[in-house]
PDB file of N, CA and C in Angstrom:
ATOM      1  N   MET A   1    -123.348 149.704-324.321  1.00  0.00           N
ATOM      2  CA  MET A   1    -124.006 149.247-325.462  1.00  0.00           C
ATOM      3  C   MET A   1    -123.669 146.818-324.858  1.00  0.00           C
ATOM      4  N   ALA A   2    -124.608 146.420-325.559  1.00  0.00           N
ATOM      5  CA  ALA A   2    -125.252 145.033-324.886  1.00  0.00           C
ATOM      6  C   ALA A   2    -123.669 144.211-325.636  1.00  0.00           C
ATOM      7  N   PRO A   3    -123.058 143.548-324.161  1.00  0.00           N
ATOM      8  CA  PRO A   3    -122.283 142.994-325.155  1.00  0.00           C
ATOM      9  C   PRO A   3    -122.209 141.661-326.305  1.00  0.00           C
ATOM     10  N   LYS A   4    -121.291 140.893-326.683  1.00  0.00           N
ATOM     11  CA  LYS A   4    -121.548 140.938-328.227  1.00  0.00           C
ATOM     12  C   LYS A   4    -121.919 140.041-327.901  1.00  0.00           C
ATOM     13  N   ASN A   5    -122.460 138.417-327.225  1.00  0.00           N
ATOM     14  CA  ASN A   5    -122.927 137.531-326.702  1.00  0.00           C
ATOM     15  C   ASN A   5    -123.932 137.237-326.147  1.00  0.00           C
ATOM     16  N   GLU A   6    -124.460 138.607-326.820  1.00  0.00           N
ATOM     17  CA  GLU A   6    -125.916 139.535-325.938  1.00  0.00           C
ATOM     18  C   GLU A   6    -126.578 139.377-326.887  1.00  0.00           C
ATOM     19  N   SER A   7    -128.022 139.117-327.485  1.00  0.00           N
ATOM     20  CA  SER A   7    -128.232 139.573-328.679  1.00  0.00           C
ATOM     21  C   SER A   7    -129.966 139.455-328.152  1.00  0.00           C
ATOM     22  N   PHE A   8    -130.905 139.779-329.928  1.00  0.00           N
ATOM     23  CA  PHE A   8    -132.516 139.157-329.016  1.00  0.00           C
ATOM     24  C   PHE A   8    -132.652 137.732-328.628  1.00  0.00           C
ATOM     25  N   LYS A   9    -133.803 137.366-328.320  1.00  0.00           N
ATOM     26  CA  LYS A   9    -133.859 136.299-328.639  1.00  0.00           C
ATOM     27  C   LYS A   9    -135.683 137.319-327.880  1.00  0.00           C
ATOM     28  N   GLU A  10    -136.432 135.178-328.193  1.00  0.00           N
ATOM     29  CA  GLU A  10    -138.220 135.410-328.004  1.00  0.00           C
ATOM     30  C   GLU A  10    -138.467 135.739-326.937  1.00  0.00           C
ATOM     31  N   GLY A  11    -139.037 136.912-326.446  1.00  0.00           N
ATOM     32  CA  GLY A  11    -139.259 136.504-325.208  1.00  0.00           C
ATOM     33  C   GLY A  11    -141.167 136.476-324.997  1.00  0.00           C
ATOM     34  N   ASP A  12    -141.594 136.947-323.546  1.00  0.00           N
ATOM     35  CA  ASP A  12    -143.045 136.958-322.934  1.00  0.00           C
ATOM     36  C   ASP A  12    -143.843 138.013-324.226  1.00  0.00           C
ATOM     37  N   GLU A  13    -144.719 137.808-324.871  1.00  0.00           N
ATOM     38  CA  GLU A  13    -145.078 139.047-325.631  1.00  0.00           C
ATOM     39  C   GLU A  13    -146.305 140.246-324.489  1.00  0.00           C
ATOM     40  N   LYS A  14    -146.762 139.312-323.515  1.00  0.00           N
ATOM     41  CA  LYS A  14    -147.793 139.640-322.462  1.00  0.00           C
ATOM     42  C   LYS A  14    -146.606 140.386-321.485  1.00  0.00           C
ATOM     43  N   LYS A  15    -145.592 140.405-320.450  1.00  0.00           N
ATOM     44  CA  LYS A  15    -144.641 141.149-320.054  1.00  0.00           C
ATOM     45  C   LYS A  15    -144.938 142.368-320.873  1.00  0.00           C
ATOM     46  N   GLY A  16    -144.206 141.766-322.696  1.00  0.00           N
ATOM     47  CA  GLY A  16    -143.875 143.037-322.905  1.00  0.00           C
ATOM     48  C   GLY A  16    -144.474 144.231-323.669  1.00  0.00           C
ATOM     49  N   ALA A  17    -146.274 143.792-323.226  1.00  0.00           N
ATOM     50  CA  ALA A  17    -147.448 144.542-323.107  1.00  0.00           C
ATOM     51  C   ALA A  17    -147.007 145.617-321.772  1.00  0.00           C
ATOM     52  N   GLY A  18    -147.247 145.081-320.726  1.00  0.00           N
ATOM     53  CA  GLY A  18    -147.113 145.263-319.112  1.00  0.00           C
ATOM     54  C   GLY A  18    -146.007 146.575-319.903  1.00  0.00           C
ATOM     55  N   LEU A  19    -144.347 145.770-319.580  1.00  0.00           N
ATOM     56  CA  LEU A  19    -143.688 147.313-320.000  1.00  0.00           C
ATOM     57  C   LEU A  19    -143.629 148.168-320.972  1.00  0.00           C
ATOM     58  N   PHE A  20    -144.441 148.165-322.198  1.00  0.00           N
ATOM     59  CA  PHE A  20    -145.509 149.379-323.287  1.00  0.00           C
ATOM     60  C   PHE A  20    -145.991 149.972-322.409  1.00  0.00           C
ATOM     61  N   LYS A  21    -146.896 149.831-321.336  1.00  0.00           N
ATOM     62  CA  LYS A  21    -148.021 150.562-321.562  1.00  0.00           C
ATOM     63  C   LYS A  21    -146.896 151.110-320.100  1.00  0.00           C
ATOM     64  N   THR A  22    -146.016 150.715-319.553  1.00  0.00           N
ATOM     65  CA  THR A  22    -145.557 151.524-317.690  1.00  0.00           C
ATOM     66  C   THR A  22    -144.470 152.481-318.182  1.00  0.00           C
ATOM     67  N   ARG A  23    -143.818 151.927-319.396  1.00  0.00           N
ATOM     68  CA  ARG A  23    -142.577 152.522-320.124  1.00  0.00           C
ATOM     69  C   ARG A  23    -142.515 153.391-320.988  1.00  0.00           C
ATOM     70  N   CYS A  24    -143.435 152.597-322.005  1.00  0.00           N
ATOM     71  CA  CYS A  24    -143.211 153.524-323.341  1.00  0.00           C
ATOM     72  C   CYS A  24    -145.037 154.213-323.739  1.00  0.00           C
ATOM     73  N   ALA A  25    -146.061 154.023-322.843  1.00  0.00           N
ATOM     74  CA  ALA A  25    -147.518 154.148-323.585  1.00  0.00           C
ATOM     75  C   ALA A  25    -147.492 155.451-323.433  1.00  0.00           C
ATOM     76  N   GLN A  26    -146.970 156.160-322.805  1.00  0.00           N
ATOM     77  CA  GLN A  26    -147.345 158.505-322.514  1.00  0.00           C
ATOM     78  C   GLN A  26    -146.686 158.474-323.559  1.00  0.00           C
ATOM     79  N   CYS A  27    -144.942 158.542-324.594  1.00  0.00           N
ATOM     80  CA  CYS A  27    -144.855 158.978-325.193  1.00  0.00           C
ATOM     81  C   CYS A  27    -145.162 158.466-327.132  1.00  0.00           C
ATOM     82  N   HIS A  28    -145.956 156.616-326.974  1.00  0.00           N
ATOM     83  CA  HIS A  28    -146.004 156.224-328.141  1.00  0.00           C
ATOM     84  C   HIS A  28    -146.865 155.619-328.328  1.00  0.00           C
ATOM     85  N   THR A  29    -147.646 155.918-329.679  1.00  0.00           N
ATOM     86  CA  THR A  29    -148.632 154.742-329.690  1.00  0.00           C
ATOM     87  C   THR A  29    -148.621 153.690-330.645  1.00  0.00           C
ATOM     88  N   LEU A  30    -148.683 152.543-331.316  1.00  0.00           N
ATOM     89  CA  LEU A  30    -148.069 151.183-331.953  1.00  0.00           C
ATOM     90  C   LEU A  30    -149.366 151.160-332.829  1.00  0.00           C
ATOM     91  N   GLU A  31    -150.781 151.646-332.952  1.00  0.00           N
ATOM     92  CA  GLU A  31    -151.896 151.116-333.805  1.00  0.00           C
ATOM     93  C   GLU A  31    -151.147 151.956-335.039  1.00  0.00           C
ATOM     94  N   GLN A  32    -152.200 151.357-336.087  1.00  0.00           N
ATOM     95  CA  GLN A  32    -151.831 151.641-337.509  1.00  0.00           C
ATOM     96  C   GLN A  32    -152.757 153.289-337.322  1.00  0.00           C
ATOM     97  N   GLY A  33    -152.123 153.938-337.941  1.00  0.00           N
ATOM     98  CA  GLY A  33    -153.141 155.701-337.697  1.00  0.00           C
ATOM     99  C   GLY A  33    -152.762 156.053-336.386  1.00  0.00           C
ATOM    100  N   GLY A  34    -152.317 155.678-336.125  1.00  0.00           N
ATOM    101  CA  GLY A  34    -152.232 156.228-334.340  1.00  0.00           C
ATOM    102  C   GLY A  34    -151.309 157.582-334.791  1.00  0.00           C
ATOM    103  N   GLY A  35    -152.000 158.223-333.677  1.00  0.00           N
ATOM    104  CA  GLY A  35    -150.978 159.918-334.337  1.00  0.00           C
ATOM    105  C   GLY A  35    -149.690 159.933-332.518  1.00  0.00           C
ATOM    106  N   ASN A  36    -148.422 160.927-333.323  1.00  0.00           N
ATOM    107  CA  ASN A  36    -147.596 161.183-332.850  1.00  0.00           C
ATOM    108  C   ASN A  36    -147.562 161.036-331.193  1.00  0.00           C
ATOM    109  N   LYS A  37    -147.325 161.339-330.740  1.00  0.00           N
ATOM    110  CA  LYS A  37    -146.968 162.108-329.199  1.00  0.00           C
ATOM    111  C   LYS A  37    -145.577 162.698-329.335  1.00  0.00           C
ATOM    112  N   VAL A  38    -144.925 162.578-327.654  1.00  0.00           N
ATOM    113  CA  VAL A  38    -143.720 163.600-327.583  1.00  0.00           C
ATOM    114  C   VAL A  38    -142.856 162.495-328.207  1.00  0.00           C
ATOM    115  N   GLY A  39    -143.360 161.203-328.886  1.00  0.00           N
ATOM    116  CA  GLY A  39    -142.245 160.142-329.940  1.00  0.00           C
ATOM    117  C   GLY A  39    -143.124 159.376-331.207  1.00  0.00           C
ATOM    118  N   PRO A  40    -143.305 159.336-331.891  1.00  0.00           N
ATOM    119  CA  PRO A  40    -143.492 159.016-332.903  1.00  0.00           C
ATOM    120  C   PRO A  40    -144.848 157.524-332.706  1.00  0.00           C
ATOM    121  N   ASN A  41    -145.427 157.452-333.778  1.00  0.00           N
ATOM    122  CA  ASN A  41    -146.534 155.934-334.661  1.00  0.00           C
ATOM    123  C   ASN A  41    -145.018 155.019-334.283  1.00  0.00           C
ATOM    124  N   LEU A  42    -145.290 154.055-333.929  1.00  0.00           N
ATOM    125  CA  LEU A  42    -144.435 152.682-334.236  1.00  0.00           C
ATOM    126  C   LEU A  42    -145.249 152.142-335.328  1.00  0.00           C
ATOM    127  N   HIS A  43    -145.947 152.168-335.367  1.00  0.00           N
ATOM    128  CA  HIS A  43    -146.553 150.885-336.429  1.00  0.00           C
ATOM    129  C   HIS A  43    -145.847 150.851-337.611  1.00  0.00           C
ATOM    130  N   GLY A  44    -145.222 149.742-337.909  1.00  0.00           N
ATOM    131  CA  GLY A  44    -145.046 149.469-339.266  1.00  0.00           C
ATOM    132  C   GLY A  44    -142.820 149.558-339.062  1.00  0.00           C
ATOM    133  N   LEU A  45    -142.882 149.357-337.577  1.00  0.00           N
ATOM    134  CA  LEU A  45    -141.519 149.849-336.816  1.00  0.00           C
ATOM    135  C   LEU A  45    -140.377 148.392-337.061  1.00  0.00           C
ATOM    136  N   PHE A  46    -140.654 147.885-337.987  1.00  0.00           N
ATOM    137  CA  PHE A  46    -139.668 146.633-337.932  1.00  0.00           C
ATOM    138  C   PHE A  46    -139.934 146.358-339.480  1.00  0.00           C
ATOM    139  N   GLY A  47    -138.245 147.286-340.093  1.00  0.00           N
ATOM    140  CA  GLY A  47    -138.106 147.245-341.071  1.00  0.00           C
ATOM    141  C   GLY A  47    -137.841 148.401-341.839  1.00  0.00           C
ATOM    142  N   ARG A  48    -138.216 149.524-340.517  1.00  0.00           N
ATOM    143  CA  ARG A  48    -138.137 151.008-341.056  1.00  0.00           C
ATOM    144  C   ARG A  48    -137.034 151.400-341.258  1.00  0.00           C
ATOM    145  N   LYS A  49    -136.742 152.857-341.317  1.00  0.00           N
ATOM    146  CA  LYS A  49    -135.481 153.152-341.086  1.00  0.00           C
ATOM    147  C   LYS A  49    -135.471 154.211-340.376  1.00  0.00           C
ATOM    148  N   THR A  50    -134.767 154.581-339.317  1.00  0.00           N
ATOM    149  CA  THR A  50    -134.569 155.364-338.598  1.00  0.00           C
ATOM    150  C   THR A  50    -135.050 157.368-338.848  1.00  0.00           C
ATOM    151  N   GLY A  51    -135.691 157.629-337.873  1.00  0.00           N
ATOM    152  CA  GLY A  51    -136.126 159.223-338.513  1.00  0.00           C
ATOM    153  C   GLY A  51    -137.319 159.125-339.554  1.00  0.00           C
ATOM    154  N   GLN A  52    -138.478 157.677-339.982  1.00  0.00           N
ATOM    155  CA  GLN A  52    -139.586 158.105-341.133  1.00  0.00           C
ATOM    156  C   GLN A  52    -140.295 158.360-341.067  1.00  0.00           C
ATOM    157  N   VAL A  53    -140.704 158.336-339.670  1.00  0.00           N
ATOM    158  CA  VAL A  53    -143.178 158.299-339.545  1.00  0.00           C
ATOM    159  C   VAL A  53    -142.863 160.054-339.701  1.00  0.00           C
ATOM    160  N   GLN A  54    -143.789 159.599-340.895  1.00  0.00           N
ATOM    161  CA  GLN A  54    -144.479 161.172-341.240  1.00  0.00           C
ATOM    162  C   GLN A  54    -145.613 161.716-340.195  1.00  0.00           C
ATOM    163  N   GLY A  55    -144.695 162.889-340.235  1.00  0.00           N
ATOM    164  CA  GLY A  55    -144.950 164.543-339.583  1.00  0.00           C
ATOM    165  C   GLY A  55    -144.686 164.623-338.135  1.00  0.00           C
ATOM    166  N   PHE A  56    -143.935 163.421-337.694  1.00  0.00           N
ATOM    167  CA  PHE A  56    -143.166 163.668-336.161  1.00  0.00           C
ATOM    168  C   PHE A  56    -141.479 163.901-336.688  1.00  0.00           C
ATOM    169  N   SER A  57    -141.123 165.436-335.667  1.00  0.00           N
ATOM    170  CA  SER A  57    -140.087 166.671-336.123  1.00  0.00           C
ATOM    171  C   SER A  57    -138.996 165.617-335.314  1.00  0.00           C
ATOM    172  N   TYR A  58    -138.599 164.893-336.018  1.00  0.00           N
ATOM    173  CA  TYR A  58    -136.854 164.340-335.634  1.00  0.00           C
ATOM    174  C   TYR A  58    -135.557 164.992-335.540  1.00  0.00           C
ATOM    175  N   THR A  59    -134.370 164.625-334.422  1.00  0.00           N
ATOM    176  CA  THR A  59    -133.344 165.317-334.391  1.00  0.00           C
ATOM    177  C   THR A  59    -132.201 165.158-336.539  1.00  0.00           C
ATOM    178  N   ASP A  60    -131.246 165.549-336.287  1.00  0.00           N
ATOM    179  CA  ASP A  60    -130.792 165.443-337.073  1.00  0.00           C
ATOM    180  C   ASP A  60    -130.354 164.075-336.859  1.00  0.00           C
ATOM    181  N   ALA A  61    -128.886 164.152-335.841  1.00  0.00           N
ATOM    182  CA  ALA A  61    -129.081 162.387-334.600  1.00  0.00           C
ATOM    183  C   ALA A  61    -129.919 160.995-335.862  1.00  0.00           C
ATOM    184  N   ASN A  62    -130.945 161.617-335.082  1.00  0.00           N
ATOM    185  CA  ASN A  62    -132.041 160.181-335.823  1.00  0.00           C
ATOM    186  C   ASN A  62    -132.183 160.290-337.408  1.00  0.00           C
ATOM    187  N   VAL A  63    -132.785 160.606-338.175  1.00  0.00           N
ATOM    188  CA  VAL A  63    -133.037 160.699-339.502  1.00  0.00           C
ATOM    189  C   VAL A  63    -131.275 160.135-340.265  1.00  0.00           C
ATOM    190  N   ASN A  64    -130.632 160.774-338.876  1.00  0.00           N
ATOM    191  CA  ASN A  64    -128.951 160.331-339.780  1.00  0.00           C
ATOM    192  C   ASN A  64    -128.430 159.641-339.827  1.00  0.00           C
ATOM    193  N   LYS A  65    -128.690 158.722-338.683  1.00  0.00           N
ATOM    194  CA  LYS A  65    -128.284 157.343-338.336  1.00  0.00           C
ATOM    195  C   LYS A  65    -128.662 156.011-339.427  1.00  0.00           C
ATOM    196  N   GLY A  66    -129.895 156.027-340.068  1.00  0.00           N
ATOM    197  CA  GLY A  66    -130.007 154.961-341.546  1.00  0.00           C
ATOM    198  C   GLY A  66    -129.909 154.030-341.385  1.00  0.00           C
ATOM    199  N   ILE A  67    -130.323 153.342-339.745  1.00  0.00           N
ATOM    200  CA  ILE A  67    -130.641 152.114-339.380  1.00  0.00           C
ATOM    201  C   ILE A  67    -131.596 151.250-340.072  1.00  0.00           C
ATOM    202  N   THR A  68    -131.438 150.638-340.355  1.00  0.00           N
ATOM    203  CA  THR A  68    -133.592 149.616-339.950  1.00  0.00           C
ATOM    204  C   THR A  68    -133.540 148.885-338.473  1.00  0.00           C
ATOM    205  N   TRP A  69    -134.969 149.382-338.314  1.00  0.00           N
ATOM    206  CA  TRP A  69    -135.001 148.821-337.107  1.00  0.00           C
ATOM    207  C   TRP A  69    -135.534 147.356-337.252  1.00  0.00           C
ATOM    208  N   SER A  70    -135.066 146.435-336.843  1.00  0.00           N
ATOM    209  CA  SER A  70    -134.806 145.455-335.683  1.00  0.00           C
ATOM    210  C   SER A  70    -135.182 144.735-335.136  1.00  0.00           C
ATOM    211  N   GLU A  71    -135.261 142.542-334.372  1.00  0.00           N
ATOM    212  CA  GLU A  71    -135.507 143.125-333.321  1.00  0.00           C
ATOM    213  C   GLU A  71    -133.774 143.053-332.368  1.00  0.00           C
ATOM    214  N   ASP A  72    -132.427 142.663-333.003  1.00  0.00           N
ATOM    215  CA  ASP A  72    -131.610 142.864-332.637  1.00  0.00           C
ATOM    216  C   ASP A  72    -131.429 144.498-332.932  1.00  0.00           C
ATOM    217  N   THR A  73    -131.307 145.373-333.517  1.00  0.00           N
ATOM    218  CA  THR A  73    -131.396 146.986-333.431  1.00  0.00           C
ATOM    219  C   THR A  73    -131.799 147.100-332.340  1.00  0.00           C
ATOM    220  N   LEU A  74    -133.188 146.926-332.004  1.00  0.00           N
ATOM    221  CA  LEU A  74    -133.918 147.401-331.356  1.00  0.00           C
ATOM    222  C   LEU A  74    -133.559 147.346-330.194  1.00  0.00           C
ATOM    223  N   PHE A  75    -132.907 145.404-330.157  1.00  0.00           N
ATOM    224  CA  PHE A  75    -132.347 144.636-328.218  1.00  0.00           C
ATOM    225  C   PHE A  75    -131.320 146.318-328.122  1.00  0.00           C
ATOM    226  N   GLU A  76    -130.540 146.380-328.857  1.00  0.00           N
ATOM    227  CA  GLU A  76    -129.214 147.573-329.081  1.00  0.00           C
ATOM    228  C   GLU A  76    -129.836 148.962-328.544  1.00  0.00           C
ATOM    229  N   TYR A  77    -130.689 149.408-329.546  1.00  0.00           N
ATOM    230  CA  TYR A  77    -131.184 150.494-328.736  1.00  0.00           C
ATOM    231  C   TYR A  77    -131.421 150.882-327.505  1.00  0.00           C
ATOM    232  N   LEU A  78    -132.450 149.924-327.099  1.00  0.00           N
ATOM    233  CA  LEU A  78    -133.061 149.879-325.799  1.00  0.00           C
ATOM    234  C   LEU A  78    -132.783 149.868-324.580  1.00  0.00           C
ATOM    235  N   GLU A  79    -131.608 149.474-325.185  1.00  0.00           N
ATOM    236  CA  GLU A  79    -130.925 148.886-323.615  1.00  0.00           C
ATOM    237  C   GLU A  79    -130.338 150.916-322.747  1.00  0.00           C
ATOM    238  N   ASN A  80    -129.531 151.653-324.114  1.00  0.00           N
ATOM    239  CA  ASN A  80    -129.469 152.705-324.020  1.00  0.00           C
ATOM    240  C   ASN A  80    -129.510 153.539-325.339  1.00  0.00           C
ATOM    241  N   PRO A  81    -130.769 154.569-325.731  1.00  0.00           N
ATOM    242  CA  PRO A  81    -131.200 155.250-326.986  1.00  0.00           C
ATOM    243  C   PRO A  81    -129.746 156.374-326.258  1.00  0.00           C
ATOM    244  N   LYS A  82    -129.401 156.952-325.919  1.00  0.00           N
ATOM    245  CA  LYS A  82    -128.534 158.517-326.163  1.00  0.00           C
ATOM    246  C   LYS A  82    -127.004 157.923-326.726  1.00  0.00           C
ATOM    247  N   LYS A  83    -126.851 156.783-326.184  1.00  0.00           N
ATOM    248  CA  LYS A  83    -125.486 156.073-326.726  1.00  0.00           C
ATOM    249  C   LYS A  83    -125.786 155.521-327.660  1.00  0.00           C
ATOM    250  N   TYR A  84    -126.691 154.478-328.324  1.00  0.00           N
ATOM    251  CA  TYR A  84    -126.683 154.626-329.266  1.00  0.00           C
ATOM    252  C   TYR A  84    -126.860 155.530-330.667  1.00  0.00           C
ATOM    253  N   ILE A  85    -128.254 157.043-330.299  1.00  0.00           N
ATOM    254  CA  ILE A  85    -127.919 157.642-331.159  1.00  0.00           C
ATOM    255  C   ILE A  85    -128.021 158.274-330.476  1.00  0.00           C
ATOM    256  N   PRO A  86    -126.220 159.197-329.978  1.00  0.00           N
ATOM    257  CA  PRO A  86    -126.183 160.857-329.956  1.00  0.00           C
ATOM    258  C   PRO A  86    -127.194 162.118-330.713  1.00  0.00           C
ATOM    259  N   GLY A  87    -128.064 162.401-329.727  1.00  0.00           N
ATOM    260  CA  GLY A  87    -128.499 163.316-329.640  1.00  0.00           C
ATOM    261  C   GLY A  87    -129.751 163.406-330.240  1.00  0.00           C
ATOM    262  N   THR A  88    -130.208 162.138-330.001  1.00  0.00           N
ATOM    263  CA  THR A  88    -131.777 162.392-330.114  1.00  0.00           C
ATOM    264  C   THR A  88    -132.033 162.401-329.445  1.00  0.00           C
ATOM    265  N   LYS A  89    -133.760 162.801-329.137  1.00  0.00           N
ATOM    266  CA  LYS A  89    -134.262 163.697-328.155  1.00  0.00           C
ATOM    267  C   LYS A  89    -135.264 162.490-327.609  1.00  0.00           C
ATOM    268  N   MET A  90    -134.877 161.549-327.406  1.00  0.00           N
ATOM    269  CA  MET A  90    -135.965 160.434-327.113  1.00  0.00           C
ATOM    270  C   MET A  90    -135.133 160.331-325.314  1.00  0.00           C
ATOM    271  N   ALA A  91    -135.501 160.852-324.439  1.00  0.00           N
ATOM    272  CA  ALA A  91    -135.706 161.091-322.709  1.00  0.00           C
ATOM    273  C   ALA A  91    -135.389 159.673-322.160  1.00  0.00           C
ATOM    274  N   PHE A  92    -135.956 158.844-323.001  1.00  0.00           N
ATOM    275  CA  PHE A  92    -135.986 157.242-322.213  1.00  0.00           C
ATOM    276  C   PHE A  92    -134.611 156.666-321.714  1.00  0.00           C
ATOM    277  N   GLY A  93    -133.992 156.379-320.673  1.00  0.00           N
ATOM    278  CA  GLY A  93    -133.487 155.418-319.900  1.00  0.00           C
ATOM    279  C   GLY A  93    -132.391 154.578-320.587  1.00  0.00           C
ATOM    280  N   GLY A  94    -133.339 153.938-320.844  1.00  0.00           N
ATOM    281  CA  GLY A  94    -133.373 152.584-321.292  1.00  0.00           C
ATOM    282  C   GLY A  94    -133.917 151.334-321.181  1.00  0.00           C
ATOM    283  N   LEU A  95    -133.878 150.239-320.962  1.00  0.00           N
ATOM    284  CA  LEU A  95    -134.015 148.895-320.185  1.00  0.00           C
ATOM    285  C   LEU A  95    -133.275 147.875-319.681  1.00  0.00           C
ATOM    286  N   LYS A  96    -132.111 147.910-318.631  1.00  0.00           N
ATOM    287  CA  LYS A  96    -131.263 147.406-318.651  1.00  0.00           C
ATOM    288  C   LYS A  96    -131.149 146.044-318.959  1.00  0.00           C
ATOM    289  N   LYS A  97    -131.823 145.482-318.563  1.00  0.00           N
ATOM    290  CA  LYS A  97    -132.070 143.922-318.129  1.00  0.00           C
ATOM    291  C   LYS A  97    -132.876 143.367-319.931  1.00  0.00           C
ATOM    292  N   ALA A  98    -131.805 142.441-320.142  1.00  0.00           N
ATOM    293  CA  ALA A  98    -131.671 141.902-321.831  1.00  0.00           C
ATOM    294  C   ALA A  98    -133.429 140.936-321.928  1.00  0.00           C
ATOM    295  N   LYS A  99    -134.016 140.708-320.199  1.00  0.00           N
ATOM    296  CA  LYS A  99    -134.969 139.691-320.356  1.00  0.00           C
ATOM    297  C   LYS A  99    -136.055 141.328-320.864  1.00  0.00           C
ATOM    298  N   ASP A 100    -136.118 142.013-319.948  1.00  0.00           N
ATOM    299  CA  ASP A 100    -137.463 143.259-320.310  1.00  0.00           C
ATOM    300  C   ASP A 100    -136.876 143.253-322.363  1.00  0.00           C
ATOM    301  N   ARG A 101    -135.797 144.095-322.294  1.00  0.00           N
ATOM    302  CA  ARG A 101    -136.108 144.273-324.267  1.00  0.00           C
ATOM    303  C   ARG A 101    -136.734 142.925-324.709  1.00  0.00           C
ATOM    304  N   ASN A 102    -135.715 141.703-324.433  1.00  0.00           N
ATOM    305  CA  ASN A 102    -136.600 140.535-325.565  1.00  0.00           C
ATOM    306  C   ASN A 102    -137.951 140.540-325.383  1.00  0.00           C
ATOM    307  N   ASP A 103    -138.632 140.648-323.422  1.00  0.00           N
ATOM    308  CA  ASP A 103    -139.889 140.947-323.425  1.00  0.00           C
ATOM    309  C   ASP A 103    -140.799 141.876-324.565  1.00  0.00           C
ATOM    310  N   LEU A 104    -140.160 142.806-324.539  1.00  0.00           N
ATOM    311  CA  LEU A 104    -140.613 144.540-325.472  1.00  0.00           C
ATOM    312  C   LEU A 104    -140.866 144.317-326.797  1.00  0.00           C
ATOM    313  N   ILE A 105    -139.488 144.210-327.109  1.00  0.00           N
ATOM    314  CA  ILE A 105    -139.670 143.778-328.761  1.00  0.00           C
ATOM    315  C   ILE A 105    -140.303 142.588-328.775  1.00  0.00           C
ATOM    316  N   THR A 106    -140.823 142.080-328.205  1.00  0.00           N
ATOM    317  CA  THR A 106    -141.306 140.816-328.557  1.00  0.00           C
ATOM    318  C   THR A 106    -143.124 141.072-328.553  1.00  0.00           C
ATOM    319  N   HIS A 107    -143.524 141.914-327.930  1.00  0.00           N
ATOM    320  CA  HIS A 107    -144.996 143.016-327.788  1.00  0.00           C
ATOM    321  C   HIS A 107    -144.930 143.374-329.606  1.00  0.00           C
ATOM    322  N   LEU A 108    -143.559 144.473-329.498  1.00  0.00           N
ATOM    323  CA  LEU A 108    -144.149 145.570-330.687  1.00  0.00           C
ATOM    324  C   LEU A 108    -143.788 144.662-331.487  1.00  0.00           C
ATOM    325  N   ARG A 109    -142.825 143.137-332.088  1.00  0.00           N
ATOM    326  CA  ARG A 109    -143.208 142.846-333.106  1.00  0.00           C
ATOM    327  C   ARG A 109    -144.918 142.987-333.264  1.00  0.00           C
ATOM    328  N   ALA A 110    -145.317 142.197-332.592  1.00  0.00           N
ATOM    329  CA  ALA A 110    -146.970 141.733-332.528  1.00  0.00           C
ATOM    330  C   ALA A 110    -147.667 142.806-333.173  1.00  0.00           C
ATOM    331  N   ALA A 111    -147.275 144.321-332.110  1.00  0.00           N
ATOM    332  CA  ALA A 111    -148.432 145.171-332.046  1.00  0.00           C
ATOM    333  C   ALA A 111    -148.167 146.183-333.480  1.00  0.00           C
ATOM    334  N   THR A 112    -147.159 146.071-334.235  1.00  0.00           N
ATOM    335  CA  THR A 112    -147.156 147.243-335.314  1.00  0.00           C
ATOM    336  C   THR A 112    -146.573 146.641-335.787  1.00  0.00           C
ATOM    337  N   LYS A 113    -147.386 145.308-335.828  1.00  0.00           N
ATOM    338  CA  LYS A 113    -147.762 144.895-337.597  1.00  0.00           C
ATOM    339  C   LYS A 113    -148.848 145.560-338.578  1.00  0.00           C
TER     340      LYS A 113
END
């Protein structure tokens, strides 16, 4: 997990968009009304609890995690999803660099409103 002194900091939205396209878009959509793919649609992500997208089949681990997505919870989750939510079916290995996570989260916050 992220060291205690490491937390979300504003990133580069444009670089985050590039990261989303290359690392996330094959499994997730961002737009309102966008369909679920291998992963759930992410529109309205911020402020939503884990495992709540209509029509997506989550693991019990994801539904029962019960955290609310924010910049800080995503910062920790995106470093190592399987460690943050043991039992998740998300196959993504994570973004180890804090800068990449900051850039991606900055993009997600803008693109999922």
